[in-house]
Amino acid sequence: MSGIVVKQARHYRTVGGRHVCGLCPHGCRILPGSRGICGTRLGGEGALVADNYGKVVAMNIDPMEKKPLYHFRPGELVMSVGGYGCNMDCLHCQNHSLSTVRDGGGRHRTIPPQELVGICRSEGVRNLAFTYNEPTIWHEYVMDVHSLADGLDLIYVSNGYISPEPRKEVLDRIAAINIDVKGFSEEFYRKVTNAHLAPVLETAEACLAAGVHLELTYLLIPGLNDDDTQLQDFCVWVADVLDAHVPVHFSAFHRDHRMRDGRDTSAEDLLHAKKTAGEAGLKFVYLGNLPIKEGRDTVCPSCGATVVTRTGYQTETDGLDGGNCAACGEQVNMRV
């Protein structure tokens, strides 16, 4: 492991003494010595610096299903790495011990790209996920890791809040992504995340157009984003604008961070969301963060056979023939 790395940011311009960041839709105007909203873009005297470059706070080998990705290499392991900071400010953030840190907090270790790739190879994994905090703000590091990662597939677990030019760079390099759609109204995004909905939807659409495997997560927060209007609009958008075969994970909320009032998500809430999704025509709907058997396995939408069985993070793929249903041959949007 090496020491401090000073890395110039990739997407910015300097106007009137301020560095205007072009990495995400916030477009922060950053004075020398100041930081952008994400906490990782640091204004230098002559350049904008990616102050989080190579600074790893968390690293684990996880089941792929933990990302959650249920239709990408089911049952395989993935090296998961994360840093600090975030370009959203969600009141309910369930990973705030990482996302709210603005300078590393002394908790990180610096791992150069070649060392990270070497760790993956020594552990015998072919999947590398940028997760735990928002990978968009680790952009320079991801680009450099990819340049050395022949034989490794890169994965994003992301909020999808990224500008078009860096988004294209990412989508040219990753194999799969899970996008966390926080809610389905501009009002919710503005009040709860300090961001906007439209760029997230654009990112999801761009993923499909680029051929990147896409799955979506929707955290159900009672009284805020679980009303029938938002749920129905979300499901119809997935079915009509994206593809009805895109896997959707409805996940249970628990009170955390700056959102301590109200109640946690119930099993009934999750089952109602699953029913709404089914009525909209979605083919693969899963339920998470609560021990509910329904919404765990992958079922062929054509013949009804169970093609992937999941017990916790134990995955059985006996019902698969390649990426298809072994019983009837139907494609089930599964990349193996």
C-alpha atoms as a PDB file:
ATOM      1  CA  MET A   1       0.000   0.000   0.000  1.00  0.00           C
ATOM      2  CA  SER A   2       1.256   3.428  -0.913  1.00  0.00           C
ATOM      3  CA  GLY A   3       0.758   6.825   0.668  1.00  0.00           C
ATOM      4  CA  ILE A   4      -0.992   9.956  -0.483  1.00  0.00           C
ATOM      5  CA  VAL A   5      -1.929  10.172  -4.159  1.00  0.00           C
ATOM      6  CA  VAL A   6      -2.825  13.543  -5.708  1.00  0.00           C
ATOM      7  CA  LYS A   7      -5.100  12.909  -8.676  1.00  0.00           C
ATOM      8  CA  GLN A   8      -6.580  15.600 -10.877  1.00  0.00           C
ATOM      9  CA  ALA A   9     -10.310  15.244 -11.471  1.00  0.00           C
ATOM     10  CA  ARG A  10     -11.417  14.244 -14.957  1.00  0.00           C
ATOM     11  CA  HIS A  11     -14.566  16.313 -15.483  1.00  0.00           C
ATOM     12  CA  TYR A  12     -14.439  19.997 -14.604  1.00  0.00           C
ATOM     13  CA  ARG A  13     -13.703  23.465 -15.950  1.00  0.00           C
ATOM     14  CA  THR A  14     -12.351  26.541 -14.187  1.00  0.00           C
ATOM     15  CA  VAL A  15     -14.366  29.757 -14.380  1.00  0.00           C
ATOM     16  CA  GLY A  16     -13.565  32.937 -12.476  1.00  0.00           C
ATOM     17  CA  GLY A  17     -11.361  31.209  -9.945  1.00  0.00           C
ATOM     18  CA  ARG A  18     -13.880  28.453  -9.242  1.00  0.00           C
ATOM     19  CA  HIS A  19     -13.690  24.865 -10.451  1.00  0.00           C
ATOM     20  CA  VAL A  20     -17.052  23.812 -11.919  1.00  0.00           C
ATOM     21  CA  CYS A  21     -17.396  20.069 -11.457  1.00  0.00           C
ATOM     22  CA  GLY A  22     -19.013  18.169 -14.336  1.00  0.00           C
ATOM     23  CA  LEU A  23     -19.175  14.751 -12.726  1.00  0.00           C
ATOM     24  CA  CYS A  24     -22.787  14.826 -11.566  1.00  0.00           C
ATOM     25  CA  PRO A  25     -25.861  17.057 -12.068  1.00  0.00           C
ATOM     26  CA  HIS A  26     -25.084  19.174  -9.000  1.00  0.00           C
ATOM     27  CA  GLY A  27     -22.415  21.039 -10.998  1.00  0.00           C
ATOM     28  CA  CYS A  28     -20.697  22.244  -7.825  1.00  0.00           C
ATOM     29  CA  ARG A  29     -18.682  25.475  -8.112  1.00  0.00           C
ATOM     30  CA  ILE A  30     -15.702  24.820  -5.864  1.00  0.00           C
ATOM     31  CA  LEU A  31     -13.277  27.424  -4.549  1.00  0.00           C
ATOM     32  CA  PRO A  32      -9.661  26.503  -3.745  1.00  0.00           C
ATOM     33  CA  GLY A  33      -9.617  24.822  -0.337  1.00  0.00           C
ATOM     34  CA  SER A  34     -13.314  23.929  -0.499  1.00  0.00           C
ATOM     35  CA  ARG A  35     -15.123  20.701  -1.348  1.00  0.00           C
ATOM     36  CA  GLY A  36     -18.122  19.834  -3.465  1.00  0.00           C
ATOM     37  CA  ILE A  37     -21.344  18.354  -2.103  1.00  0.00           C
ATOM     38  CA  CYS A  38     -19.921  14.825  -2.316  1.00  0.00           C
ATOM     39  CA  GLY A  39     -16.959  15.731  -0.111  1.00  0.00           C
ATOM     40  CA  THR A  40     -14.421  14.178  -2.488  1.00  0.00           C
ATOM     41  CA  ARG A  41     -13.814  16.954  -5.049  1.00  0.00           C
ATOM     42  CA  LEU A  42     -11.264  19.317  -3.484  1.00  0.00           C
ATOM     43  CA  GLY A  43     -10.478  22.698  -4.957  1.00  0.00           C
ATOM     44  CA  GLY A  44      -6.768  23.214  -5.553  1.00  0.00           C
ATOM     45  CA  GLU A  45      -5.049  26.415  -6.639  1.00  0.00           C
ATOM     46  CA  GLY A  46      -4.583  25.200 -10.199  1.00  0.00           C
ATOM     47  CA  ALA A  47      -6.884  22.197 -10.546  1.00  0.00           C
ATOM     48  CA  LEU A  48      -9.796  20.251  -9.110  1.00  0.00           C
ATOM     49  CA  VAL A  49      -8.498  17.249  -7.194  1.00  0.00           C
ATOM     50  CA  ALA A  50     -10.137  13.839  -6.729  1.00  0.00           C
ATOM     51  CA  ASP A  51      -9.229  13.724  -3.063  1.00  0.00           C
ATOM     52  CA  ASN A  52     -10.652  10.221  -2.551  1.00  0.00           C
ATOM     53  CA  TYR A  53      -8.470   8.550  -5.193  1.00  0.00           C
ATOM     54  CA  GLY A  54      -7.626   5.002  -4.122  1.00  0.00           C
ATOM     55  CA  LYS A  55      -8.852   5.580  -0.558  1.00  0.00           C
ATOM     56  CA  VAL A  56     -10.620   2.351   0.392  1.00  0.00           C
ATOM     57  CA  VAL A  57     -12.723   2.266   3.555  1.00  0.00           C
ATOM     58  CA  ALA A  58     -14.441  -1.101   3.135  1.00  0.00           C
ATOM     59  CA  MET A  59     -13.475  -4.303   1.312  1.00  0.00           C
ATOM     60  CA  ASN A  60     -15.177  -7.688   1.473  1.00  0.00           C
ATOM     61  CA  ILE A  61     -15.860 -10.751  -0.619  1.00  0.00           C
ATOM     62  CA  ASP A  62     -19.652 -10.993  -0.916  1.00  0.00           C
ATOM     63  CA  PRO A  63     -22.217 -13.213  -2.601  1.00  0.00           C
ATOM     64  CA  MET A  64     -23.384 -11.579  -5.826  1.00  0.00           C
ATOM     65  CA  GLU A  65     -26.937 -11.674  -4.480  1.00  0.00           C
ATOM     66  CA  LYS A  66     -25.967  -9.254  -1.688  1.00  0.00           C
ATOM     67  CA  LYS A  67     -25.498  -6.337  -4.129  1.00  0.00           C
ATOM     68  CA  PRO A  68     -28.363  -7.202  -4.908  1.00  0.00           C
ATOM     69  CA  LEU A  69     -27.852  -8.746  -8.351  1.00  0.00           C
ATOM     70  CA  TYR A  70     -30.039 -11.814  -8.890  1.00  0.00           C
ATOM     71  CA  HIS A  71     -29.681 -12.192 -12.652  1.00  0.00           C
ATOM     72  CA  PHE A  72     -25.950 -11.644 -13.051  1.00  0.00           C
ATOM     73  CA  ARG A  73     -23.717 -14.661 -12.404  1.00  0.00           C
ATOM     74  CA  PRO A  74     -26.006 -16.143  -9.740  1.00  0.00           C
ATOM     75  CA  GLY A  75     -24.159 -17.903  -6.949  1.00  0.00           C
ATOM     76  CA  GLU A  76     -20.772 -16.336  -7.733  1.00  0.00           C
ATOM     77  CA  LEU A  77     -18.624 -14.273  -5.382  1.00  0.00           C
ATOM     78  CA  VAL A  78     -17.725 -10.631  -5.917  1.00  0.00           C
ATOM     79  CA  MET A  79     -14.976  -8.481  -4.434  1.00  0.00           C
ATOM     80  CA  SER A  80     -16.764  -5.442  -2.995  1.00  0.00           C
ATOM     81  CA  VAL A  81     -14.913  -2.193  -2.331  1.00  0.00           C
ATOM     82  CA  GLY A  82     -16.111   1.193  -1.150  1.00  0.00           C
ATOM     83  CA  GLY A  83     -14.779   4.588  -0.213  1.00  0.00           C
ATOM     84  CA  TYR A  84     -16.406   7.570   1.461  1.00  0.00           C
ATOM     85  CA  GLY A  85     -18.722  10.448   0.586  1.00  0.00           C
ATOM     86  CA  CYS A  86     -21.829  10.644  -1.589  1.00  0.00           C
ATOM     87  CA  ASN A  87     -23.394  13.040  -4.081  1.00  0.00           C
ATOM     88  CA  MET A  88     -26.810  12.609  -2.475  1.00  0.00           C
ATOM     89  CA  ASP A  89     -27.774  13.511   1.073  1.00  0.00           C
ATOM     90  CA  CYS A  90     -30.529  11.028   1.882  1.00  0.00           C
ATOM     91  CA  LEU A  91     -32.248  11.633   5.194  1.00  0.00           C
ATOM     92  CA  HIS A  92     -32.694   7.883   5.616  1.00  0.00           C
ATOM     93  CA  CYS A  93     -29.217   6.758   4.516  1.00  0.00           C
ATOM     94  CA  GLN A  94     -28.543   3.291   5.899  1.00  0.00           C
ATOM     95  CA  ASN A  95     -24.827   3.546   5.158  1.00  0.00           C
ATOM     96  CA  HIS A  96     -24.262   7.032   6.565  1.00  0.00           C
ATOM     97  CA  SER A  97     -21.097   6.052   8.420  1.00  0.00           C
ATOM     98  CA  LEU A  98     -19.437   6.074   4.977  1.00  0.00           C
ATOM     99  CA  SER A  99     -21.568   8.460   2.949  1.00  0.00           C
ATOM    100  CA  THR A 100     -21.354  11.426   5.324  1.00  0.00           C
ATOM    101  CA  VAL A 101     -17.547  11.358   5.700  1.00  0.00           C
ATOM    102  CA  ARG A 102     -15.978  14.233   3.800  1.00  0.00           C
ATOM    103  CA  ASP A 103     -12.214  13.704   3.975  1.00  0.00           C
ATOM    104  CA  GLY A 104     -11.659  10.029   4.674  1.00  0.00           C
ATOM    105  CA  GLY A 105     -11.822  10.537   8.403  1.00  0.00           C
ATOM    106  CA  GLY A 106      -8.552   8.670   8.888  1.00  0.00           C
ATOM    107  CA  ARG A 107     -10.381   5.366   8.373  1.00  0.00           C
ATOM    108  CA  HIS A 108      -9.164   4.589   4.868  1.00  0.00           C
ATOM    109  CA  ARG A 109      -6.163   2.852   3.400  1.00  0.00           C
ATOM    110  CA  THR A 110      -4.774   3.740   0.001  1.00  0.00           C
ATOM    111  CA  ILE A 111      -4.835   0.851  -2.469  1.00  0.00           C
ATOM    112  CA  PRO A 112      -3.415   1.641  -5.931  1.00  0.00           C
ATOM    113  CA  PRO A 113      -5.372   0.252  -8.911  1.00  0.00           C
ATOM    114  CA  GLN A 114      -2.806  -2.443  -9.714  1.00  0.00           C
ATOM    115  CA  GLU A 115      -2.863  -3.644  -6.116  1.00  0.00           C
ATOM    116  CA  LEU A 116      -6.661  -3.860  -6.065  1.00  0.00           C
ATOM    117  CA  VAL A 117      -6.663  -5.884  -9.276  1.00  0.00           C
ATOM    118  CA  GLY A 118      -3.955  -8.124  -7.820  1.00  0.00           C
ATOM    119  CA  ILE A 119      -6.033  -8.749  -4.689  1.00  0.00           C
ATOM    120  CA  CYS A 120      -8.993  -9.844  -6.820  1.00  0.00           C
ATOM    121  CA  ARG A 121      -6.832 -12.244  -8.801  1.00  0.00           C
ATOM    122  CA  SER A 122      -5.190 -13.691  -5.712  1.00  0.00           C
ATOM    123  CA  GLU A 123      -8.635 -14.339  -4.222  1.00  0.00           C
ATOM    124  CA  GLY A 124      -9.780 -16.041  -7.423  1.00  0.00           C
ATOM    125  CA  VAL A 125     -12.774 -13.787  -8.094  1.00  0.00           C
ATOM    126  CA  ARG A 126     -13.672 -12.471 -11.548  1.00  0.00           C
ATOM    127  CA  ASN A 127     -16.152  -9.821 -10.355  1.00  0.00           C
ATOM    128  CA  LEU A 128     -15.263  -6.465  -8.770  1.00  0.00           C
ATOM    129  CA  ALA A 129     -18.064  -4.283  -7.381  1.00  0.00           C
ATOM    130  CA  PHE A 130     -17.787  -0.617  -6.459  1.00  0.00           C
ATOM    131  CA  THR A 131     -20.376  -0.357  -3.713  1.00  0.00           C
ATOM    132  CA  TYR A 132     -21.121   0.624  -0.079  1.00  0.00           C
ATOM    133  CA  ASN A 133     -20.909   4.335  -0.936  1.00  0.00           C
ATOM    134  CA  GLU A 134     -21.565   6.019  -4.304  1.00  0.00           C
ATOM    135  CA  PRO A 135     -19.089   4.852  -6.996  1.00  0.00           C
ATOM    136  CA  THR A 136     -19.786   7.841  -9.255  1.00  0.00           C
ATOM    137  CA  ILE A 137     -17.559   9.998  -7.048  1.00  0.00           C
ATOM    138  CA  TRP A 138     -14.729   7.442  -7.343  1.00  0.00           C
ATOM    139  CA  HIS A 139     -14.665   8.022 -11.083  1.00  0.00           C
ATOM    140  CA  GLU A 140     -10.937   8.529 -11.639  1.00  0.00           C
ATOM    141  CA  TYR A 141     -10.070   5.466  -9.573  1.00  0.00           C
ATOM    142  CA  VAL A 142     -12.576   3.260 -11.402  1.00  0.00           C
ATOM    143  CA  MET A 143     -11.228   4.370 -14.774  1.00  0.00           C
ATOM    144  CA  ASP A 144      -7.678   3.485 -13.768  1.00  0.00           C
ATOM    145  CA  VAL A 145      -8.705   0.146 -12.242  1.00  0.00           C
ATOM    146  CA  HIS A 146     -10.472  -0.784 -15.463  1.00  0.00           C
ATOM    147  CA  SER A 147      -7.366  -0.090 -17.526  1.00  0.00           C
ATOM    148  CA  LEU A 148      -5.587  -2.877 -15.588  1.00  0.00           C
ATOM    149  CA  ALA A 149      -8.502  -5.224 -14.993  1.00  0.00           C
ATOM    150  CA  ASP A 150      -8.324  -7.571 -17.976  1.00  0.00           C
ATOM    151  CA  GLY A 151     -10.406 -10.628 -17.101  1.00  0.00           C
ATOM    152  CA  LEU A 152     -12.312  -8.851 -14.322  1.00  0.00           C
ATOM    153  CA  ASP A 153     -15.876  -7.627 -14.778  1.00  0.00           C
ATOM    154  CA  LEU A 154     -16.662  -4.349 -13.024  1.00  0.00           C
ATOM    155  CA  ILE A 155     -19.990  -3.762 -11.285  1.00  0.00           C
ATOM    156  CA  TYR A 156     -21.625  -0.606  -9.933  1.00  0.00           C
ATOM    157  CA  VAL A 157     -24.099  -0.352  -7.063  1.00  0.00           C
ATOM    158  CA  SER A 158     -25.199   3.220  -7.607  1.00  0.00           C
ATOM    159  CA  ASN A 159     -27.762   5.952  -7.117  1.00  0.00           C
ATOM    160  CA  GLY A 160     -27.497   6.700 -10.855  1.00  0.00           C
ATOM    161  CA  TYR A 161     -26.809  10.406 -10.297  1.00  0.00           C
ATOM    162  CA  ILE A 162     -24.140  11.080 -12.896  1.00  0.00           C
ATOM    163  CA  SER A 163     -23.721  13.459 -15.847  1.00  0.00           C
ATOM    164  CA  PRO A 164     -23.863  12.202 -19.459  1.00  0.00           C
ATOM    165  CA  GLU A 165     -20.159  12.358 -20.381  1.00  0.00           C
ATOM    166  CA  PRO A 166     -18.769  10.491 -17.357  1.00  0.00           C
ATOM    167  CA  ARG A 167     -21.780   8.176 -17.520  1.00  0.00           C
ATOM    168  CA  LYS A 168     -20.747   7.082 -21.008  1.00  0.00           C
ATOM    169  CA  GLU A 169     -17.222   6.408 -19.740  1.00  0.00           C
ATOM    170  CA  VAL A 170     -18.633   4.218 -16.978  1.00  0.00           C
ATOM    171  CA  LEU A 171     -21.055   2.317 -19.202  1.00  0.00           C
ATOM    172  CA  ASP A 172     -18.262   1.540 -21.649  1.00  0.00           C
ATOM    173  CA  ARG A 173     -16.410  -0.215 -18.820  1.00  0.00           C
ATOM    174  CA  ILE A 174     -18.852  -1.967 -16.498  1.00  0.00           C
ATOM    175  CA  ALA A 175     -20.709  -5.234 -16.996  1.00  0.00           C
ATOM    176  CA  ALA A 176     -23.580  -4.806 -14.532  1.00  0.00           C
ATOM    177  CA  ILE A 177     -25.239  -2.209 -12.344  1.00  0.00           C
ATOM    178  CA  ASN A 178     -27.878  -2.033  -9.653  1.00  0.00           C
ATOM    179  CA  ILE A 179     -29.447   1.432  -9.509  1.00  0.00           C
ATOM    180  CA  ASP A 180     -31.221   2.506  -6.343  1.00  0.00           C
ATOM    181  CA  VAL A 181     -34.340   4.406  -7.405  1.00  0.00           C
ATOM    182  CA  LYS A 182     -35.108   6.287  -4.200  1.00  0.00           C
ATOM    183  CA  GLY A 183     -38.699   7.147  -4.987  1.00  0.00           C
ATOM    184  CA  PHE A 184     -40.749   8.143  -7.999  1.00  0.00           C
ATOM    185  CA  SER A 185     -41.538  11.817  -7.634  1.00  0.00           C
ATOM    186  CA  GLU A 186     -39.437  14.939  -8.006  1.00  0.00           C
ATOM    187  CA  GLU A 187     -40.803  16.172  -4.669  1.00  0.00           C
ATOM    188  CA  PHE A 188     -39.491  13.085  -2.883  1.00  0.00           C
ATOM    189  CA  TYR A 189     -36.043  13.418  -4.442  1.00  0.00           C
ATOM    190  CA  ARG A 190     -35.804  17.106  -3.660  1.00  0.00           C
ATOM    191  CA  LYS A 191     -36.913  16.802  -0.035  1.00  0.00           C
ATOM    192  CA  VAL A 192     -35.347  13.489   0.952  1.00  0.00           C
ATOM    193  CA  THR A 193     -32.178  13.126  -1.179  1.00  0.00           C
ATOM    194  CA  ASN A 194     -31.158  16.704  -2.119  1.00  0.00           C
ATOM    195  CA  ALA A 195     -31.137  15.591  -5.760  1.00  0.00           C
ATOM    196  CA  HIS A 196     -33.456  15.173  -8.753  1.00  0.00           C
ATOM    197  CA  LEU A 197     -35.271  12.202 -10.254  1.00  0.00           C
ATOM    198  CA  ALA A 198     -34.810  12.764 -14.006  1.00  0.00           C
ATOM    199  CA  PRO A 199     -31.028  12.131 -14.187  1.00  0.00           C
ATOM    200  CA  VAL A 200     -31.489   8.802 -12.387  1.00  0.00           C
ATOM    201  CA  LEU A 201     -34.087   7.657 -14.903  1.00  0.00           C
ATOM    202  CA  GLU A 202     -31.850   8.783 -17.759  1.00  0.00           C
ATOM    203  CA  THR A 203     -29.005   6.691 -16.360  1.00  0.00           C
ATOM    204  CA  ALA A 204     -31.179   3.578 -16.173  1.00  0.00           C
ATOM    205  CA  GLU A 205     -32.308   4.063 -19.771  1.00  0.00           C
ATOM    206  CA  ALA A 206     -28.691   4.626 -20.872  1.00  0.00           C
ATOM    207  CA  CYS A 207     -27.619   1.368 -19.194  1.00  0.00           C
ATOM    208  CA  LEU A 208     -29.994  -0.684 -21.305  1.00  0.00           C
ATOM    209  CA  ALA A 209     -29.030   1.174 -24.464  1.00  0.00           C
ATOM    210  CA  ALA A 210     -25.355   0.419 -23.729  1.00  0.00           C
ATOM    211  CA  GLY A 211     -25.996  -3.285 -23.125  1.00  0.00           C
ATOM    212  CA  VAL A 212     -25.078  -3.142 -19.434  1.00  0.00           C
ATOM    213  CA  HIS A 213     -26.941  -5.630 -17.258  1.00  0.00           C
ATOM    214  CA  LEU A 214     -29.394  -3.606 -15.169  1.00  0.00           C
ATOM    215  CA  GLU A 215     -31.283  -4.309 -11.968  1.00  0.00           C
ATOM    216  CA  LEU A 216     -33.194  -1.794  -9.850  1.00  0.00           C
ATOM    217  CA  THR A 217     -33.728  -1.429  -6.114  1.00  0.00           C
ATOM    218  CA  TYR A 218     -36.620   0.541  -4.611  1.00  0.00           C
ATOM    219  CA  LEU A 219     -36.487   1.054  -0.831  1.00  0.00           C
ATOM    220  CA  LEU A 220     -40.070   1.329   0.426  1.00  0.00           C
ATOM    221  CA  ILE A 221     -40.448   4.088   3.032  1.00  0.00           C
ATOM    222  CA  PRO A 222     -43.948   4.075   4.577  1.00  0.00           C
ATOM    223  CA  GLY A 223     -45.761   7.341   4.006  1.00  0.00           C
ATOM    224  CA  LEU A 224     -43.115   8.820   1.700  1.00  0.00           C
ATOM    225  CA  ASN A 225     -42.614   6.752  -1.453  1.00  0.00           C
ATOM    226  CA  ASP A 226     -44.925   3.761  -1.054  1.00  0.00           C
ATOM    227  CA  ASP A 227     -48.195   5.367  -2.156  1.00  0.00           C
ATOM    228  CA  ASP A 228     -50.011   3.749  -5.063  1.00  0.00           C
ATOM    229  CA  THR A 229     -49.288   6.643  -7.415  1.00  0.00           C
ATOM    230  CA  GLN A 230     -45.520   6.439  -7.040  1.00  0.00           C
ATOM    231  CA  LEU A 231     -45.483   2.634  -7.067  1.00  0.00           C
ATOM    232  CA  GLN A 232     -47.675   2.391 -10.142  1.00  0.00           C
ATOM    233  CA  ASP A 233     -45.770   5.096 -11.999  1.00  0.00           C
ATOM    234  CA  PHE A 234     -42.464   3.400 -11.184  1.00  0.00           C
ATOM    235  CA  CYS A 235     -43.644  -0.022 -12.329  1.00  0.00           C
ATOM    236  CA  VAL A 236     -45.179   1.318 -15.538  1.00  0.00           C
ATOM    237  CA  TRP A 237     -41.949   3.195 -16.297  1.00  0.00           C
ATOM    238  CA  VAL A 238     -39.946  -0.013 -15.869  1.00  0.00           C
ATOM    239  CA  ALA A 239     -42.340  -1.996 -18.057  1.00  0.00           C
ATOM    240  CA  ASP A 240     -42.906   0.575 -20.805  1.00  0.00           C
ATOM    241  CA  VAL A 241     -39.710   2.655 -20.942  1.00  0.00           C
ATOM    242  CA  LEU A 242     -37.145   0.086 -19.820  1.00  0.00           C
ATOM    243  CA  ASP A 243     -38.126  -3.572 -20.184  1.00  0.00           C
ATOM    244  CA  ALA A 244     -40.570  -5.717 -18.212  1.00  0.00           C
ATOM    245  CA  HIS A 245     -37.755  -8.265 -17.772  1.00  0.00           C
ATOM    246  CA  VAL A 246     -35.537  -5.863 -15.778  1.00  0.00           C
ATOM    247  CA  PRO A 247     -35.286  -7.344 -12.259  1.00  0.00           C
ATOM    248  CA  VAL A 248     -36.742  -5.103  -9.544  1.00  0.00           C
ATOM    249  CA  HIS A 249     -35.904  -5.446  -5.843  1.00  0.00           C
ATOM    250  CA  PHE A 250     -38.333  -3.903  -3.360  1.00  0.00           C
ATOM    251  CA  SER A 251     -36.467  -3.501  -0.095  1.00  0.00           C
ATOM    252  CA  ALA A 252     -37.590  -2.849   3.471  1.00  0.00           C
ATOM    253  CA  PHE A 253     -36.702   0.433   5.175  1.00  0.00           C
ATOM    254  CA  HIS A 254     -35.705   0.723   8.809  1.00  0.00           C
ATOM    255  CA  ARG A 255     -35.498   4.048  10.633  1.00  0.00           C
ATOM    256  CA  ASP A 256     -31.978   5.402  10.505  1.00  0.00           C
ATOM    257  CA  HIS A 257     -29.745   8.482  10.252  1.00  0.00           C
ATOM    258  CA  ARG A 258     -31.956  11.610  10.213  1.00  0.00           C
ATOM    259  CA  MET A 259     -35.215   9.756   9.605  1.00  0.00           C
ATOM    260  CA  ARG A 260     -36.212   8.293  12.955  1.00  0.00           C
ATOM    261  CA  ASP A 261     -39.951   8.968  12.920  1.00  0.00           C
ATOM    262  CA  GLY A 262     -42.693   6.931  11.290  1.00  0.00           C
ATOM    263  CA  ARG A 263     -42.488   3.169  11.027  1.00  0.00           C
ATOM    264  CA  ASP A 264     -40.395   0.499   9.385  1.00  0.00           C
ATOM    265  CA  THR A 265     -41.535  -1.313   6.266  1.00  0.00           C
ATOM    266  CA  SER A 266     -43.744  -4.346   6.929  1.00  0.00           C
ATOM    267  CA  ALA A 267     -44.028  -7.608   5.042  1.00  0.00           C
ATOM    268  CA  GLU A 268     -47.461  -6.470   3.902  1.00  0.00           C
ATOM    269  CA  ASP A 269     -45.945  -3.329   2.383  1.00  0.00           C
ATOM    270  CA  LEU A 270     -43.487  -5.404   0.365  1.00  0.00           C
ATOM    271  CA  LEU A 271     -46.141  -7.843  -0.793  1.00  0.00           C
ATOM    272  CA  HIS A 272     -48.357  -4.966  -1.908  1.00  0.00           C
ATOM    273  CA  ALA A 273     -45.501  -3.536  -3.961  1.00  0.00           C
ATOM    274  CA  LYS A 274     -44.896  -6.945  -5.540  1.00  0.00           C
ATOM    275  CA  LYS A 275     -48.591  -7.212  -6.434  1.00  0.00           C
ATOM    276  CA  THR A 276     -48.516  -3.727  -8.001  1.00  0.00           C
ATOM    277  CA  ALA A 277     -45.461  -4.692 -10.045  1.00  0.00           C
ATOM    278  CA  GLY A 278     -47.100  -7.881 -11.240  1.00  0.00           C
ATOM    279  CA  GLU A 279     -50.181  -5.978 -12.349  1.00  0.00           C
ATOM    280  CA  ALA A 280     -47.923  -3.655 -14.377  1.00  0.00           C
ATOM    281  CA  GLY A 281     -46.429  -6.671 -16.144  1.00  0.00           C
ATOM    282  CA  LEU A 282     -43.007  -6.874 -14.471  1.00  0.00           C
ATOM    283  CA  LYS A 283     -41.587 -10.388 -14.797  1.00  0.00           C
ATOM    284  CA  PHE A 284     -38.948 -10.561 -12.049  1.00  0.00           C
ATOM    285  CA  VAL A 285     -39.782  -8.919  -8.721  1.00  0.00           C
ATOM    286  CA  TYR A 286     -37.894  -9.612  -5.503  1.00  0.00           C
ATOM    287  CA  LEU A 287     -38.363  -8.620  -1.862  1.00  0.00           C
ATOM    288  CA  GLY A 288     -35.478  -7.847   0.484  1.00  0.00           C
ATOM    289  CA  ASN A 289     -34.451  -6.854   4.021  1.00  0.00           C
ATOM    290  CA  LEU A 290     -37.213  -8.966   5.574  1.00  0.00           C
ATOM    291  CA  PRO A 291     -37.408 -12.777   5.803  1.00  0.00           C
ATOM    292  CA  ILE A 292     -40.165 -13.318   3.226  1.00  0.00           C
ATOM    293  CA  LYS A 293     -40.074 -16.522   1.187  1.00  0.00           C
ATOM    294  CA  GLU A 294     -42.251 -15.045  -1.551  1.00  0.00           C
ATOM    295  CA  GLY A 295     -40.136 -12.863  -3.797  1.00  0.00           C
ATOM    296  CA  ARG A 296     -36.894 -14.730  -3.190  1.00  0.00           C
ATOM    297  CA  ASP A 297     -36.640 -17.291  -6.009  1.00  0.00           C
ATOM    298  CA  THR A 298     -36.501 -16.706  -9.764  1.00  0.00           C
ATOM    299  CA  VAL A 299     -39.522 -18.201 -11.511  1.00  0.00           C
ATOM    300  CA  CYS A 300     -39.834 -18.603 -15.264  1.00  0.00           C
ATOM    301  CA  PRO A 301     -42.541 -16.201 -16.464  1.00  0.00           C
ATOM    302  CA  SER A 302     -43.447 -18.611 -19.271  1.00  0.00           C
ATOM    303  CA  CYS A 303     -43.873 -22.029 -17.638  1.00  0.00           C
ATOM    304  CA  GLY A 304     -43.744 -21.211 -13.915  1.00  0.00           C
ATOM    305  CA  ALA A 305     -40.761 -23.437 -13.151  1.00  0.00           C
ATOM    306  CA  THR A 306     -38.360 -22.299 -10.439  1.00  0.00           C
ATOM    307  CA  VAL A 307     -35.065 -21.659 -12.205  1.00  0.00           C
ATOM    308  CA  VAL A 308     -33.029 -20.235  -9.288  1.00  0.00           C
ATOM    309  CA  THR A 309     -33.653 -21.101  -5.636  1.00  0.00           C
ATOM    310  CA  ARG A 310     -32.321 -18.829  -2.877  1.00  0.00           C
ATOM    311  CA  THR A 311     -32.064 -19.545   0.833  1.00  0.00           C
ATOM    312  CA  GLY A 312     -30.426 -16.554   2.430  1.00  0.00           C
ATOM    313  CA  TYR A 313     -27.368 -16.055   0.240  1.00  0.00           C
ATOM    314  CA  GLN A 314     -27.200 -19.739  -0.728  1.00  0.00           C
ATOM    315  CA  THR A 315     -28.133 -20.031  -4.405  1.00  0.00           C
ATOM    316  CA  GLU A 316     -29.067 -23.127  -6.416  1.00  0.00           C
ATOM    317  CA  THR A 317     -29.172 -22.797 -10.207  1.00  0.00           C
ATOM    318  CA  ASP A 318     -30.306 -26.298 -11.190  1.00  0.00           C
ATOM    319  CA  GLY A 319     -33.271 -24.857 -13.085  1.00  0.00           C
ATOM    320  CA  LEU A 320     -31.015 -22.915 -15.467  1.00  0.00           C
ATOM    321  CA  ASP A 321     -29.710 -24.086 -18.820  1.00  0.00           C
ATOM    322  CA  GLY A 322     -27.120 -21.450 -19.572  1.00  0.00           C
ATOM    323  CA  GLY A 323     -29.122 -18.247 -19.213  1.00  0.00           C
ATOM    324  CA  ASN A 324     -32.465 -19.897 -20.016  1.00  0.00           C
ATOM    325  CA  CYS A 325     -35.154 -21.868 -18.179  1.00  0.00           C
ATOM    326  CA  ALA A 326     -34.115 -25.535 -18.262  1.00  0.00           C
ATOM    327  CA  ALA A 327     -37.772 -26.626 -18.326  1.00  0.00           C
ATOM    328  CA  CYS A 328     -39.011 -24.685 -21.377  1.00  0.00           C
ATOM    329  CA  GLY A 329     -36.039 -22.835 -22.834  1.00  0.00           C
ATOM    330  CA  GLU A 330     -37.471 -19.372 -22.128  1.00  0.00           C
ATOM    331  CA  GLN A 331     -34.939 -16.566 -21.751  1.00  0.00           C
ATOM    332  CA  VAL A 332     -35.022 -15.218 -18.218  1.00  0.00           C
ATOM    333  CA  ASN A 333     -32.642 -12.223 -18.570  1.00  0.00           C
ATOM    334  CA  MET A 334     -29.929 -14.159 -16.764  1.00  0.00           C
ATOM    335  CA  ARG A 335     -26.229 -13.573 -17.386  1.00  0.00           C
ATOM    336  CA  VAL A 336     -24.173 -16.513 -16.212  1.00  0.00           C
END
